[in-house]
Protein backbone atom coordinates (compact mmCIF):
# COMPACT_ATOMS: atom_id res chain seq x y z
CA MET A 1 7.90 7.19 -11.39
CA LEU A 2 8.66 4.46 -9.00
CA ALA A 3 10.67 2.55 -11.65
CA ALA A 4 12.68 5.68 -12.20
CA ALA A 5 13.38 5.88 -8.47
CA ILE A 6 14.36 2.18 -8.25
CA SER A 7 16.64 2.69 -11.53
CA VAL A 8 18.68 5.37 -9.39
CA TYR A 9 18.65 4.39 -6.09
CA PRO A 10 22.14 4.37 -4.58
CA GLY A 11 21.84 1.04 -2.76
CA GLY A 12 21.43 -0.89 0.43
CA ASN A 13 18.55 -2.19 2.51
CA ALA A 14 17.71 -3.31 5.97
CA ILE A 15 19.02 -6.82 5.29
CA HIS A 16 22.17 -6.04 3.53
CA PRO A 17 23.11 -2.44 4.10
CA GLN A 18 26.04 -2.23 1.52
CA ALA A 19 24.05 -4.16 -1.43
CA LYS A 20 24.36 -2.21 -4.69
CA GLY A 21 21.35 -0.71 -6.18
CA HIS A 22 17.72 -1.76 -5.25
CA SER A 23 16.29 -5.14 -4.37
CA PHE A 24 12.77 -5.50 -5.23
CA TRP A 25 12.30 -8.10 -2.53
CA LEU A 26 14.48 -6.56 0.20
CA ASN A 27 13.95 -2.80 0.00
CA PHE A 28 11.14 -1.12 1.29
CA LEU A 29 9.12 1.44 -0.65
CA CYS A 30 10.17 3.95 2.07
CA ASP A 31 13.72 3.39 1.47
CA LEU A 32 13.32 4.92 -1.99
CA THR A 33 12.02 8.31 -0.27
CA ASN A 34 14.43 8.92 2.61
CA ASP A 35 17.04 11.48 2.38
CA VAL A 36 19.95 9.00 2.80
CA ALA A 37 19.98 5.33 1.18
CA SER A 38 20.54 2.47 3.44
CA ASN A 39 24.10 2.26 2.29
CA GLY A 40 24.80 5.84 3.61
CA LEU A 41 24.97 7.65 0.37
CA PRO A 42 22.77 10.86 -0.67
CA ASN A 43 19.31 9.64 -2.09
CA THR A 44 18.52 12.93 -3.88
CA ARG A 45 18.26 11.36 -7.30
CA SER A 46 15.79 8.60 -6.13
CA GLN A 47 13.74 10.65 -3.64
CA GLY A 48 11.97 12.99 -5.73
CA TRP A 49 10.72 10.25 -8.16
CA ALA A 50 9.71 8.00 -5.19
CA ARG A 51 7.78 10.64 -3.48
CA THR A 52 5.92 11.62 -6.47
CA GLY A 53 5.11 7.87 -7.48
CA MET A 54 4.03 7.29 -3.94
CA THR A 55 1.79 10.27 -4.12
CA ALA A 56 0.30 9.26 -7.52
CA LEU A 57 -0.44 5.79 -5.72
CA ALA A 58 -2.15 7.41 -2.83
CA VAL A 59 -4.45 9.50 -5.51
CA ALA A 60 -5.08 6.04 -7.28
CA LEU A 61 -5.92 4.72 -3.91
CA GLU A 62 -8.27 7.37 -3.28
CA ALA A 63 -10.03 6.97 -6.45
CA PHE A 64 -10.47 3.15 -5.72
CA TRP A 65 -12.00 3.79 -2.32
CA LEU A 66 -14.61 6.06 -3.86
CA LEU A 67 -15.14 3.85 -6.74
CA LEU A 68 -15.55 0.58 -4.89
CA PRO A 69 -18.73 0.85 -3.22
CA THR A 70 -20.39 1.39 -6.70
CA THR A 71 -19.82 -2.32 -7.11
CA PHE A 72 -22.59 -3.02 -4.39
CA PRO A 73 -24.96 0.05 -4.70
CA THR A 74 -27.43 -1.29 -2.20
CA ARG A 75 -25.02 -1.12 0.70
CA ILE A 76 -25.34 2.43 0.86
CA VAL A 77 -24.06 2.62 4.84
CA THR A 78 -21.16 0.41 4.29
CA GLY A 79 -20.17 2.47 0.99
CA ARG A 80 -20.20 5.54 3.08
CA VAL A 81 -18.01 3.96 5.73
CA ILE A 82 -15.49 2.52 2.99
CA ARG A 83 -15.23 5.87 1.48
CA TRP A 84 -14.53 7.87 4.59
CA SER A 85 -12.31 5.15 6.07
CA GLY A 86 -10.33 5.06 2.77
CA THR A 87 -10.12 9.00 2.75
CA ILE A 88 -8.61 9.01 6.23
CA CYS A 89 -6.16 6.04 4.97
CA VAL A 90 -5.01 8.00 1.96
CA SER A 91 -4.44 11.15 3.99
CA ALA A 92 -2.04 9.57 6.06
CA LEU A 93 -0.45 7.66 3.39
CA LEU A 94 0.34 11.00 1.54
CA LEU A 95 2.82 11.55 4.85
CA VAL A 96 4.57 8.52 4.57
CA PRO A 97 6.87 9.42 2.10
CA VAL A 98 7.88 12.70 3.75
CA VAL A 99 7.86 11.61 7.54
CA GLU A 100 11.33 9.84 8.61
CA GLY A 101 12.40 8.76 11.89
CA PRO A 102 10.25 7.59 14.87
CA ALA A 103 7.10 9.52 13.69
CA HIS A 104 7.07 7.29 10.23
CA LYS A 105 5.74 4.12 12.01
CA PHE A 106 2.91 5.99 13.56
CA ILE A 107 1.93 7.42 10.29
CA VAL A 108 2.06 3.87 8.75
CA PHE A 109 -0.35 2.66 11.40
CA ALA A 110 -2.53 5.92 10.72
CA SER A 111 -2.91 4.72 7.28
CA VAL A 112 -3.11 0.93 7.94
CA ILE A 113 -5.97 0.97 10.67
CA PRO A 114 -8.58 2.83 8.61
CA GLY A 115 -7.30 1.11 5.30
CA THR A 116 -8.19 -2.17 7.09
CA VAL A 117 -11.63 -0.96 8.06
CA ALA A 118 -12.24 -0.06 4.50
CA GLY A 119 -10.83 -3.25 3.04
CA ALA A 120 -12.62 -5.58 5.34
CA LEU A 121 -15.91 -3.98 4.47
CA GLY A 122 -14.92 -3.91 0.96
CA LEU A 123 -14.30 -7.54 0.64
CA ALA A 124 -17.28 -8.78 2.82
CA SER A 125 -19.70 -6.65 0.58
CA LEU A 126 -18.20 -8.23 -2.41
CA PHE A 127 -18.68 -11.63 -1.19
CA ALA A 128 -22.23 -10.69 -0.52
CA THR A 129 -23.02 -9.38 -3.89
CA PRO A 130 -23.75 -11.70 -6.69
CA GLY A 131 -21.28 -11.77 -9.47
CA ARG A 132 -18.52 -10.03 -7.40
CA ARG A 133 -17.15 -13.26 -5.51
CA GLY A 134 -14.15 -13.37 -7.99
CA GLN A 135 -13.17 -9.78 -6.84
CA GLY A 136 -14.14 -10.67 -3.41
CA THR A 137 -11.49 -13.51 -3.45
CA LEU A 138 -8.81 -11.30 -4.89
CA ALA A 139 -9.62 -8.76 -2.05
CA ALA A 140 -9.56 -11.41 0.68
CA THR A 141 -5.99 -12.38 -0.56
CA ALA A 142 -4.64 -8.61 -0.67
CA PHE A 143 -6.34 -8.20 2.77
CA VAL A 144 -4.80 -11.38 4.26
CA VAL A 145 -1.37 -10.63 2.94
CA SER A 146 -1.47 -6.77 4.01
CA ILE A 147 -2.47 -7.73 7.51
CA GLY A 148 0.64 -10.32 7.63
CA ASP A 149 2.74 -7.51 6.54
CA ALA A 150 1.42 -5.13 9.16
CA VAL A 151 1.87 -7.67 12.12
CA LEU A 152 5.29 -8.31 10.84
CA TYR A 153 5.90 -4.50 10.64
CA ALA A 154 4.76 -4.19 14.14
CA GLN A 155 6.71 -6.98 15.49
CA SER A 156 9.74 -5.54 14.07
CA TYR A 157 9.63 -2.58 16.47
CA ARG A 158 9.06 -4.94 19.62
CA VAL A 159 12.74 -5.18 20.15
CA HIS A 160 15.60 -2.50 20.21
CA PRO A 161 17.50 -2.24 18.02
CA ARG A 162 14.77 -2.99 15.39
CA VAL A 163 15.08 -6.39 13.93
CA ILE A 164 13.84 -6.70 10.11
CA VAL A 165 13.33 -10.00 8.78
CA PRO A 166 13.43 -10.71 4.80
CA GLU A 167 9.75 -11.56 4.91
CA LEU A 168 8.72 -8.18 5.84
CA PRO A 169 9.71 -6.09 2.81
CA ALA A 170 9.13 -9.01 0.51
CA LEU A 171 5.40 -9.23 2.09
CA GLN A 172 5.22 -5.52 1.62
CA ARG A 173 5.59 -5.92 -2.42
CA VAL A 174 3.28 -9.00 -2.66
CA ALA A 175 0.58 -7.12 -0.83
CA LEU A 176 1.38 -4.07 -3.10
CA LEU A 177 1.00 -6.15 -6.31
CA LEU A 178 -2.30 -7.74 -4.87
CA MET A 179 -3.85 -4.30 -4.10
CA TRP A 180 -3.03 -3.22 -7.48
CA ALA A 181 -4.60 -6.06 -9.06
CA TRP A 182 -7.65 -5.52 -6.91
CA MET A 183 -7.91 -1.75 -7.86
CA VAL A 184 -7.34 -2.67 -11.33
CA THR A 185 -9.84 -5.50 -11.30
CA VAL A 186 -12.52 -3.11 -9.81
CA ALA A 187 -11.88 -0.22 -12.28
CA VAL A 188 -12.30 -2.64 -15.32
CA GLY A 189 -15.48 -4.32 -13.78
CA VAL A 190 -17.03 -0.89 -13.20
CA LEU A 191 -16.08 0.35 -16.72
CA ARG A 192 -17.55 -2.80 -18.30
CA SER A 193 -20.83 -2.47 -16.23
CA ARG A 194 -21.15 1.20 -17.46
CA GLN A 195 -20.56 0.32 -21.08
CA LYS A 196 -23.49 -2.31 -20.91
CA GLU A 197 -25.56 0.57 -19.66
């Protein structure tokens, strides 16, 4: 769905507003969900695909936050906090594609903060669980890149007009790819564990 949105995006990004089409490294995912593309053209063709794709991503992330604590079953309280924080993160994330303007940044941080709590507890628990350090390393990498992206995102709003450096959308993509990798690794690990039972 996101690939379909990318293929029909009219063009432009915060760095090069008149660029043609979508740039994997310079466009934000949210650019795909806006009513108007960065180049000023209507974004109706891309918008529907992008909003559906981001909703699917949020649903997958919710499943991940529910599944992750099963990889360290003895840490019951930690698992509950991860599930609750993850659910709050996803609840806000569902609003990200449909909220534009000044409220958008608040919705983003409403998702980032509980997601950071869930991620930090998850990676710490993976490092503390025998046989899960590889997943913990991947989790730590995703976590560090995501925090770096969040810091750059916050800094972009410190001045008016907003200043977006090319590293910001690029880091967003790297963080997303690392998060997907962590999600898949955990899902595959849980599936293999259940097959051995």
